[in-house]
Amino acid sequence: MSKVAARHAAQQVSKHQDVRITLPGLGTIDLGPPDQLAYLVGIGALAALEIIEWPVACIIAAGHLLADQRRSATLHAFGEALEEA
């Protein structure tokens, strides 16, 4: 499989897993995978109901997003290593 074909396949998988909404005047907005979106909405709901404080909710959400970004980078590097093999 060529690199272009592999990259296209990865983009198609990503496109089907992410939640996207289209807003008039703004265009399409990518909200990420449904499980990540549910997690962040849950953290926001806990903060809105004052079960946890807003600064704590922001730190938890930021940590979750950073961990997900790190996992995505690791998976990307793994995919590139598989292409070279």
PDB file of N, CA and C in Angstrom:
ATOM      1  N   MET A   1       0.847  -1.171   0.000  1.00  0.00           N
ATOM      2  CA  MET A   1       0.000   0.000   0.000  1.00  0.00           C
ATOM      3  C   MET A   1       0.894   1.237   0.000  1.00  0.00           C
ATOM      4  N   SER A   2       0.618   2.169  -0.883  1.00  0.00           N
ATOM      5  CA  SER A   2       1.428   3.379  -0.956  1.00  0.00           C
ATOM      6  C   SER A   2       1.119   4.302   0.218  1.00  0.00           C
ATOM      7  N   LYS A   3       2.015   5.242   0.452  1.00  0.00           N
ATOM      8  CA  LYS A   3       1.810   6.182   1.554  1.00  0.00           C
ATOM      9  C   LYS A   3       0.570   7.035   1.337  1.00  0.00           C
ATOM     10  N   VAL A   4       0.322   7.422   0.094  1.00  0.00           N
ATOM     11  CA  VAL A   4      -0.849   8.242  -0.210  1.00  0.00           C
ATOM     12  C   VAL A   4      -2.128   7.459   0.069  1.00  0.00           C
ATOM     13  N   ALA A   5      -2.152   6.193  -0.342  1.00  0.00           N
ATOM     14  CA  ALA A   5      -3.331   5.358  -0.102  1.00  0.00           C
ATOM     15  C   ALA A   5      -3.533   5.117   1.385  1.00  0.00           C
ATOM     16  N   ALA A   6      -2.448   4.893   2.118  1.00  0.00           N
ATOM     17  CA  ALA A   6      -2.549   4.664   3.562  1.00  0.00           C
ATOM     18  C   ALA A   6      -3.050   5.920   4.275  1.00  0.00           C
ATOM     19  N   ARG A   7      -2.535   7.069   3.864  1.00  0.00           N
ATOM     20  CA  ARG A   7      -2.967   8.330   4.470  1.00  0.00           C
ATOM     21  C   ARG A   7      -4.437   8.588   4.177  1.00  0.00           C
ATOM     22  N   HIS A   8      -4.867   8.296   2.946  1.00  0.00           N
ATOM     23  CA  HIS A   8      -6.274   8.473   2.576  1.00  0.00           C
ATOM     24  C   HIS A   8      -7.167   7.548   3.400  1.00  0.00           C
ATOM     25  N   ALA A   9      -6.742   6.302   3.594  1.00  0.00           N
ATOM     26  CA  ALA A   9      -7.517   5.341   4.385  1.00  0.00           C
ATOM     27  C   ALA A   9      -7.636   5.825   5.828  1.00  0.00           C
ATOM     28  N   ALA A  10      -6.556   6.346   6.396  1.00  0.00           N
ATOM     29  CA  ALA A  10      -6.589   6.854   7.767  1.00  0.00           C
ATOM     30  C   ALA A  10      -7.526   8.048   7.890  1.00  0.00           C
ATOM     31  N   GLN A  11      -7.530   8.917   6.890  1.00  0.00           N
ATOM     32  CA  GLN A  11      -8.428  10.070   6.908  1.00  0.00           C
ATOM     33  C   GLN A  11      -9.883   9.641   6.819  1.00  0.00           C
ATOM     34  N   GLN A  12     -10.169   8.612   6.031  1.00  0.00           N
ATOM     35  CA  GLN A  12     -11.543   8.115   5.913  1.00  0.00           C
ATOM     36  C   GLN A  12     -12.027   7.534   7.235  1.00  0.00           C
ATOM     37  N   VAL A  13     -11.168   6.776   7.915  1.00  0.00           N
ATOM     38  CA  VAL A  13     -11.544   6.202   9.215  1.00  0.00           C
ATOM     39  C   VAL A  13     -11.804   7.321  10.208  1.00  0.00           C
ATOM     40  N   SER A  14     -10.924   8.304  10.240  1.00  0.00           N
ATOM     41  CA  SER A  14     -11.083   9.432  11.155  1.00  0.00           C
ATOM     42  C   SER A  14     -12.363  10.200  10.857  1.00  0.00           C
ATOM     43  N   LYS A  15     -12.655  10.400   9.588  1.00  0.00           N
ATOM     44  CA  LYS A  15     -13.839  11.143   9.186  1.00  0.00           C
ATOM     45  C   LYS A  15     -15.120  10.448   9.646  1.00  0.00           C
ATOM     46  N   HIS A  16     -15.147   9.123   9.612  1.00  0.00           N
ATOM     47  CA  HIS A  16     -16.347   8.384   9.989  1.00  0.00           C
ATOM     48  C   HIS A  16     -16.510   8.297  11.500  1.00  0.00           C
ATOM     49  N   GLN A  17     -15.457   8.468  12.271  1.00  0.00           N
ATOM     50  CA  GLN A  17     -15.541   8.351  13.724  1.00  0.00           C
ATOM     51  C   GLN A  17     -15.838   9.678  14.403  1.00  0.00           C
ATOM     52  N   ASP A  18     -15.587  10.782  13.765  1.00  0.00           N
ATOM     53  CA  ASP A  18     -15.779  12.085  14.386  1.00  0.00           C
ATOM     54  C   ASP A  18     -17.208  12.585  14.200  1.00  0.00           C
ATOM     55  N   VAL A  19     -17.654  13.376  15.190  1.00  0.00           N
ATOM     56  CA  VAL A  19     -18.957  14.026  15.108  1.00  0.00           C
ATOM     57  C   VAL A  19     -18.736  15.391  14.472  1.00  0.00           C
ATOM     58  N   ARG A  20     -19.487  15.677  13.431  1.00  0.00           N
ATOM     59  CA  ARG A  20     -19.379  16.965  12.741  1.00  0.00           C
ATOM     60  C   ARG A  20     -20.753  17.618  12.685  1.00  0.00           C
ATOM     61  N   ILE A  21     -20.754  18.939  12.882  1.00  0.00           N
ATOM     62  CA  ILE A  21     -22.003  19.682  12.722  1.00  0.00           C
ATOM     63  C   ILE A  21     -21.747  20.811  11.729  1.00  0.00           C
ATOM     64  N   THR A  22     -22.784  21.186  11.015  1.00  0.00           N
ATOM     65  CA  THR A  22     -22.692  22.282  10.057  1.00  0.00           C
ATOM     66  C   THR A  22     -23.548  23.429  10.553  1.00  0.00           C
ATOM     67  N   LEU A  23     -22.915  24.572  10.750  1.00  0.00           N
ATOM     68  CA  LEU A  23     -23.615  25.759  11.222  1.00  0.00           C
ATOM     69  C   LEU A  23     -23.645  26.800  10.116  1.00  0.00           C
ATOM     70  N   PRO A  24     -24.810  27.422   9.903  1.00  0.00           N
ATOM     71  CA  PRO A  24     -24.895  28.454   8.867  1.00  0.00           C
ATOM     72  C   PRO A  24     -23.922  29.600   9.154  1.00  0.00           C
ATOM     73  N   GLY A  25     -23.168  29.972   8.165  1.00  0.00           N
ATOM     74  CA  GLY A  25     -22.218  31.065   8.302  1.00  0.00           C
ATOM     75  C   GLY A  25     -20.869  30.650   8.864  1.00  0.00           C
ATOM     76  N   LEU A  26     -20.813  29.536   9.571  1.00  0.00           N
ATOM     77  CA  LEU A  26     -19.552  29.072  10.149  1.00  0.00           C
ATOM     78  C   LEU A  26     -18.970  27.887   9.414  1.00  0.00           C
ATOM     79  N   GLY A  27     -19.818  27.114   8.762  1.00  0.00           N
ATOM     80  CA  GLY A  27     -19.357  25.930   8.048  1.00  0.00           C
ATOM     81  C   GLY A  27     -19.401  24.703   8.937  1.00  0.00           C
ATOM     82  N   THR A  28     -18.568  23.727   8.614  1.00  0.00           N
ATOM     83  CA  THR A  28     -18.543  22.469   9.338  1.00  0.00           C
ATOM     84  C   THR A  28     -17.554  22.539  10.492  1.00  0.00           C
ATOM     85  N   ILE A  29     -18.005  22.086  11.657  1.00  0.00           N
ATOM     86  CA  ILE A  29     -17.165  22.073  12.852  1.00  0.00           C
ATOM     87  C   ILE A  29     -16.983  20.626  13.283  1.00  0.00           C
ATOM     88  N   ASP A  30     -15.737  20.232  13.484  1.00  0.00           N
ATOM     89  CA  ASP A  30     -15.400  18.879  13.919  1.00  0.00           C
ATOM     90  C   ASP A  30     -15.372  18.857  15.439  1.00  0.00           C
ATOM     91  N   LEU A  31     -16.226  18.029  16.056  1.00  0.00           N
ATOM     92  CA  LEU A  31     -16.306  17.949  17.509  1.00  0.00           C
ATOM     93  C   LEU A  31     -15.533  16.779  18.089  1.00  0.00           C
ATOM     94  N   GLY A  32     -14.923  15.963  17.235  1.00  0.00           N
ATOM     95  CA  GLY A  32     -14.141  14.834  17.708  1.00  0.00           C
ATOM     96  C   GLY A  32     -14.975  13.574  17.836  1.00  0.00           C
ATOM     97  N   PRO A  33     -14.372  12.514  18.345  1.00  0.00           N
ATOM     98  CA  PRO A  33     -15.071  11.248  18.499  1.00  0.00           C
ATOM     99  C   PRO A  33     -16.193  11.351  19.539  1.00  0.00           C
ATOM    100  N   PRO A  34     -17.254  10.565  19.378  1.00  0.00           N
ATOM    101  CA  PRO A  34     -18.391  10.641  20.303  1.00  0.00           C
ATOM    102  C   PRO A  34     -18.025  10.360  21.763  1.00  0.00           C
ATOM    103  N   ASP A  35     -17.116   9.412  22.013  1.00  0.00           N
ATOM    104  CA  ASP A  35     -16.762   9.111  23.399  1.00  0.00           C
ATOM    105  C   ASP A  35     -16.026  10.268  24.063  1.00  0.00           C
ATOM    106  N   GLN A  36     -15.174  10.943  23.324  1.00  0.00           N
ATOM    107  CA  GLN A  36     -14.465  12.097  23.868  1.00  0.00           C
ATOM    108  C   GLN A  36     -15.441  13.245  24.106  1.00  0.00           C
ATOM    109  N   LEU A  37     -16.359  13.453  23.178  1.00  0.00           N
ATOM    110  CA  LEU A  37     -17.355  14.508  23.318  1.00  0.00           C
ATOM    111  C   LEU A  37     -18.233  14.254  24.545  1.00  0.00           C
ATOM    112  N   ALA A  38     -18.655  13.006  24.751  1.00  0.00           N
ATOM    113  CA  ALA A  38     -19.477  12.657  25.916  1.00  0.00           C
ATOM    114  C   ALA A  38     -18.716  12.907  27.219  1.00  0.00           C
ATOM    115  N   TYR A  39     -17.440  12.565  27.238  1.00  0.00           N
ATOM    116  CA  TYR A  39     -16.616  12.775  28.430  1.00  0.00           C
ATOM    117  C   TYR A  39     -16.550  14.260  28.778  1.00  0.00           C
ATOM    118  N   LEU A  40     -16.278  15.090  27.778  1.00  0.00           N
ATOM    119  CA  LEU A  40     -16.147  16.526  28.022  1.00  0.00           C
ATOM    120  C   LEU A  40     -17.473  17.157  28.412  1.00  0.00           C
ATOM    121  N   VAL A  41     -18.566  16.696  27.807  1.00  0.00           N
ATOM    122  CA  VAL A  41     -19.894  17.196  28.188  1.00  0.00           C
ATOM    123  C   VAL A  41     -20.198  16.800  29.628  1.00  0.00           C
ATOM    124  N   GLY A  42     -19.819  15.581  30.004  1.00  0.00           N
ATOM    125  CA  GLY A  42     -20.026  15.134  31.382  1.00  0.00           C
ATOM    126  C   GLY A  42     -19.258  15.974  32.383  1.00  0.00           C
ATOM    127  N   ILE A  43     -18.008  16.292  32.071  1.00  0.00           N
ATOM    128  CA  ILE A  43     -17.206  17.153  32.947  1.00  0.00           C
ATOM    129  C   ILE A  43     -17.848  18.535  33.045  1.00  0.00           C
ATOM    130  N   GLY A  44     -18.321  19.058  31.922  1.00  0.00           N
ATOM    131  CA  GLY A  44     -18.998  20.357  31.925  1.00  0.00           C
ATOM    132  C   GLY A  44     -20.282  20.330  32.743  1.00  0.00           C
ATOM    133  N   ALA A  45     -21.029  19.226  32.655  1.00  0.00           N
ATOM    134  CA  ALA A  45     -22.266  19.098  33.432  1.00  0.00           C
ATOM    135  C   ALA A  45     -21.960  19.050  34.930  1.00  0.00           C
ATOM    136  N   LEU A  46     -20.911  18.318  35.318  1.00  0.00           N
ATOM    137  CA  LEU A  46     -20.531  18.273  36.731  1.00  0.00           C
ATOM    138  C   LEU A  46     -20.170  19.663  37.248  1.00  0.00           C
ATOM    139  N   ALA A  47     -19.480  20.441  36.424  1.00  0.00           N
ATOM    140  CA  ALA A  47     -19.115  21.800  36.827  1.00  0.00           C
ATOM    141  C   ALA A  47     -20.345  22.704  36.868  1.00  0.00           C
ATOM    142  N   ALA A  48     -21.243  22.552  35.890  1.00  0.00           N
ATOM    143  CA  ALA A  48     -22.450  23.383  35.855  1.00  0.00           C
ATOM    144  C   ALA A  48     -23.352  23.098  37.061  1.00  0.00           C
ATOM    145  N   LEU A  49     -23.379  21.844  37.504  1.00  0.00           N
ATOM    146  CA  LEU A  49     -24.182  21.472  38.673  1.00  0.00           C
ATOM    147  C   LEU A  49     -23.441  21.726  39.987  1.00  0.00           C
ATOM    148  N   GLU A  50     -22.255  22.300  39.889  1.00  0.00           N
ATOM    149  CA  GLU A  50     -21.407  22.651  41.018  1.00  0.00           C
ATOM    150  C   GLU A  50     -21.025  21.443  41.872  1.00  0.00           C
ATOM    151  N   ILE A  51     -20.915  20.284  41.222  1.00  0.00           N
ATOM    152  CA  ILE A  51     -20.411  19.094  41.900  1.00  0.00           C
ATOM    153  C   ILE A  51     -18.895  19.181  41.984  1.00  0.00           C
ATOM    154  N   ILE A  52     -18.287  19.739  40.933  1.00  0.00           N
ATOM    155  CA  ILE A  52     -16.861  20.054  40.959  1.00  0.00           C
ATOM    156  C   ILE A  52     -16.710  21.516  40.555  1.00  0.00           C
ATOM    157  N   GLU A  53     -15.609  22.109  40.952  1.00  0.00           N
ATOM    158  CA  GLU A  53     -15.357  23.515  40.625  1.00  0.00           C
ATOM    159  C   GLU A  53     -14.892  23.656  39.179  1.00  0.00           C
ATOM    160  N   TRP A  54     -15.149  24.828  38.583  1.00  0.00           N
ATOM    161  CA  TRP A  54     -14.765  25.070  37.187  1.00  0.00           C
ATOM    162  C   TRP A  54     -13.271  24.907  36.936  1.00  0.00           C
ATOM    163  N   PRO A  55     -12.400  25.416  37.822  1.00  0.00           N
ATOM    164  CA  PRO A  55     -10.962  25.218  37.559  1.00  0.00           C
ATOM    165  C   PRO A  55     -10.578  23.736  37.532  1.00  0.00           C
ATOM    166  N   VAL A  56     -11.190  22.946  38.404  1.00  0.00           N
ATOM    167  CA  VAL A  56     -10.914  21.505  38.420  1.00  0.00           C
ATOM    168  C   VAL A  56     -11.411  20.872  37.129  1.00  0.00           C
ATOM    169  N   ALA A  57     -12.603  21.263  36.685  1.00  0.00           N
ATOM    170  CA  ALA A  57     -13.157  20.736  35.437  1.00  0.00           C
ATOM    171  C   ALA A  57     -12.252  21.081  34.259  1.00  0.00           C
ATOM    172  N   CYS A  58     -11.730  22.296  34.231  1.00  0.00           N
ATOM    173  CA  CYS A  58     -10.843  22.711  33.137  1.00  0.00           C
ATOM    174  C   CYS A  58      -9.543  21.913  33.148  1.00  0.00           C
ATOM    175  N   ILE A  59      -8.999  21.660  34.337  1.00  0.00           N
ATOM    176  CA  ILE A  59      -7.761  20.896  34.434  1.00  0.00           C
ATOM    177  C   ILE A  59      -7.990  19.451  33.991  1.00  0.00           C
ATOM    178  N   ILE A  60      -9.117  18.857  34.409  1.00  0.00           N
ATOM    179  CA  ILE A  60      -9.435  17.483  34.001  1.00  0.00           C
ATOM    180  C   ILE A  60      -9.607  17.405  32.491  1.00  0.00           C
ATOM    181  N   ALA A  61     -10.353  18.348  31.920  1.00  0.00           N
ATOM    182  CA  ALA A  61     -10.595  18.353  30.473  1.00  0.00           C
ATOM    183  C   ALA A  61      -9.287  18.554  29.699  1.00  0.00           C
ATOM    184  N   ALA A  62      -8.451  19.477  30.173  1.00  0.00           N
ATOM    185  CA  ALA A  62      -7.173  19.718  29.498  1.00  0.00           C
ATOM    186  C   ALA A  62      -6.285  18.480  29.563  1.00  0.00           C
ATOM    187  N   GLY A  63      -6.248  17.833  30.703  1.00  0.00           N
ATOM    188  CA  GLY A  63      -5.459  16.607  30.841  1.00  0.00           C
ATOM    189  C   GLY A  63      -5.957  15.516  29.908  1.00  0.00           C
ATOM    190  N   HIS A  64      -7.262  15.395  29.808  1.00  0.00           N
ATOM    191  CA  HIS A  64      -7.845  14.391  28.914  1.00  0.00           C
ATOM    192  C   HIS A  64      -7.478  14.688  27.454  1.00  0.00           C
ATOM    193  N   LEU A  65      -7.590  15.946  27.062  1.00  0.00           N
ATOM    194  CA  LEU A  65      -7.267  16.320  25.683  1.00  0.00           C
ATOM    195  C   LEU A  65      -5.786  16.122  25.383  1.00  0.00           C
ATOM    196  N   LEU A  66      -4.913  16.453  26.338  1.00  0.00           N
ATOM    197  CA  LEU A  66      -3.478  16.257  26.131  1.00  0.00           C
ATOM    198  C   LEU A  66      -3.127  14.775  26.027  1.00  0.00           C
ATOM    199  N   ALA A  67      -3.762  13.953  26.856  1.00  0.00           N
ATOM    200  CA  ALA A  67      -3.512  12.509  26.794  1.00  0.00           C
ATOM    201  C   ALA A  67      -3.982  11.943  25.461  1.00  0.00           C
ATOM    202  N   ASP A  68      -5.125  12.417  24.982  1.00  0.00           N
ATOM    203  CA  ASP A  68      -5.638  11.946  23.693  1.00  0.00           C
ATOM    204  C   ASP A  68      -4.739  12.386  22.551  1.00  0.00           C
ATOM    205  N   GLN A  69      -4.221  13.609  22.640  1.00  0.00           N
ATOM    206  CA  GLN A  69      -3.304  14.109  21.608  1.00  0.00           C
ATOM    207  C   GLN A  69      -2.014  13.284  21.596  1.00  0.00           C
ATOM    208  N   ARG A  70      -1.527  12.933  22.760  1.00  0.00           N
ATOM    209  CA  ARG A  70      -0.306  12.111  22.866  1.00  0.00           C
ATOM    210  C   ARG A  70      -0.544  10.724  22.276  1.00  0.00           C
ATOM    211  N   ARG A  71      -1.722  10.147  22.571  1.00  0.00           N
ATOM    212  CA  ARG A  71      -2.061   8.828  22.039  1.00  0.00           C
ATOM    213  C   ARG A  71      -2.158   8.886  20.522  1.00  0.00           C
ATOM    214  N   SER A  72      -2.743   9.949  19.998  1.00  0.00           N
ATOM    215  CA  SER A  72      -2.865  10.089  18.549  1.00  0.00           C
ATOM    216  C   SER A  72      -1.490  10.201  17.889  1.00  0.00           C
ATOM    217  N   ALA A  73      -0.588  10.946  18.510  1.00  0.00           N
ATOM    218  CA  ALA A  73       0.770  11.086  17.961  1.00  0.00           C
ATOM    219  C   ALA A  73       1.499   9.749  17.984  1.00  0.00           C
ATOM    220  N   THR A  74       1.307   8.976  19.056  1.00  0.00           N
ATOM    221  CA  THR A  74       1.946   7.660  19.154  1.00  0.00           C
ATOM    222  C   THR A  74       1.401   6.727  18.085  1.00  0.00           C
ATOM    223  N   LEU A  75       0.094   6.737  17.892  1.00  0.00           N
ATOM    224  CA  LEU A  75      -0.504   5.888  16.862  1.00  0.00           C
ATOM    225  C   LEU A  75      -0.049   6.297  15.468  1.00  0.00           C
ATOM    226  N   HIS A  76       0.106   7.591  15.248  1.00  0.00           N
ATOM    227  CA  HIS A  76       0.580   8.082  13.949  1.00  0.00           C
ATOM    228  C   HIS A  76       2.009   7.584  13.688  1.00  0.00           C
ATOM    229  N   ALA A  77       2.860   7.685  14.700  1.00  0.00           N
ATOM    230  CA  ALA A  77       4.243   7.219  14.555  1.00  0.00           C
ATOM    231  C   ALA A  77       4.277   5.707  14.327  1.00  0.00           C
ATOM    232  N   PHE A  78       3.416   4.966  15.005  1.00  0.00           N
ATOM    233  CA  PHE A  78       3.343   3.521  14.825  1.00  0.00           C
ATOM    234  C   PHE A  78       2.910   3.183  13.395  1.00  0.00           C
ATOM    235  N   GLY A  79       1.933   3.924  12.883  1.00  0.00           N
ATOM    236  CA  GLY A  79       1.482   3.699  11.507  1.00  0.00           C
ATOM    237  C   GLY A  79       2.591   3.971  10.492  1.00  0.00           C
ATOM    238  N   GLU A  80       3.366   5.023  10.718  1.00  0.00           N
ATOM    239  CA  GLU A  80       4.470   5.327   9.825  1.00  0.00           C
ATOM    240  C   GLU A  80       5.535   4.228   9.873  1.00  0.00           C
ATOM    241  N   ALA A  81       5.781   3.680  11.060  1.00  0.00           N
ATOM    242  CA  ALA A  81       6.757   2.595  11.191  1.00  0.00           C
ATOM    243  C   ALA A  81       6.269   1.347  10.465  1.00  0.00           C
ATOM    244  N   LEU A  82       4.982   1.094  10.511  1.00  0.00           N
ATOM    245  CA  LEU A  82       4.427  -0.052   9.787  1.00  0.00           C
ATOM    246  C   LEU A  82       4.546   0.139   8.290  1.00  0.00           C
ATOM    247  N   GLU A  83       4.377   1.369   7.814  1.00  0.00           N
ATOM    248  CA  GLU A  83       4.508   1.641   6.380  1.00  0.00           C
ATOM    249  C   GLU A  83       5.925   1.360   5.893  1.00  0.00           C
ATOM    250  N   GLU A  84       6.907   1.666   6.723  1.00  0.00           N
ATOM    251  CA  GLU A  84       8.309   1.480   6.339  1.00  0.00           C
ATOM    252  C   GLU A  84       8.719   0.009   6.382  1.00  0.00           C
ATOM    253  N   ALA A  85       8.004  -0.783   7.170  1.00  0.00           N
ATOM    254  CA  ALA A  85       8.366  -2.207   7.313  1.00  0.00           C
ATOM    255  C   ALA A  85       8.021  -3.011   6.076  1.00  0.00           C
TER     256      ALA A  85
END
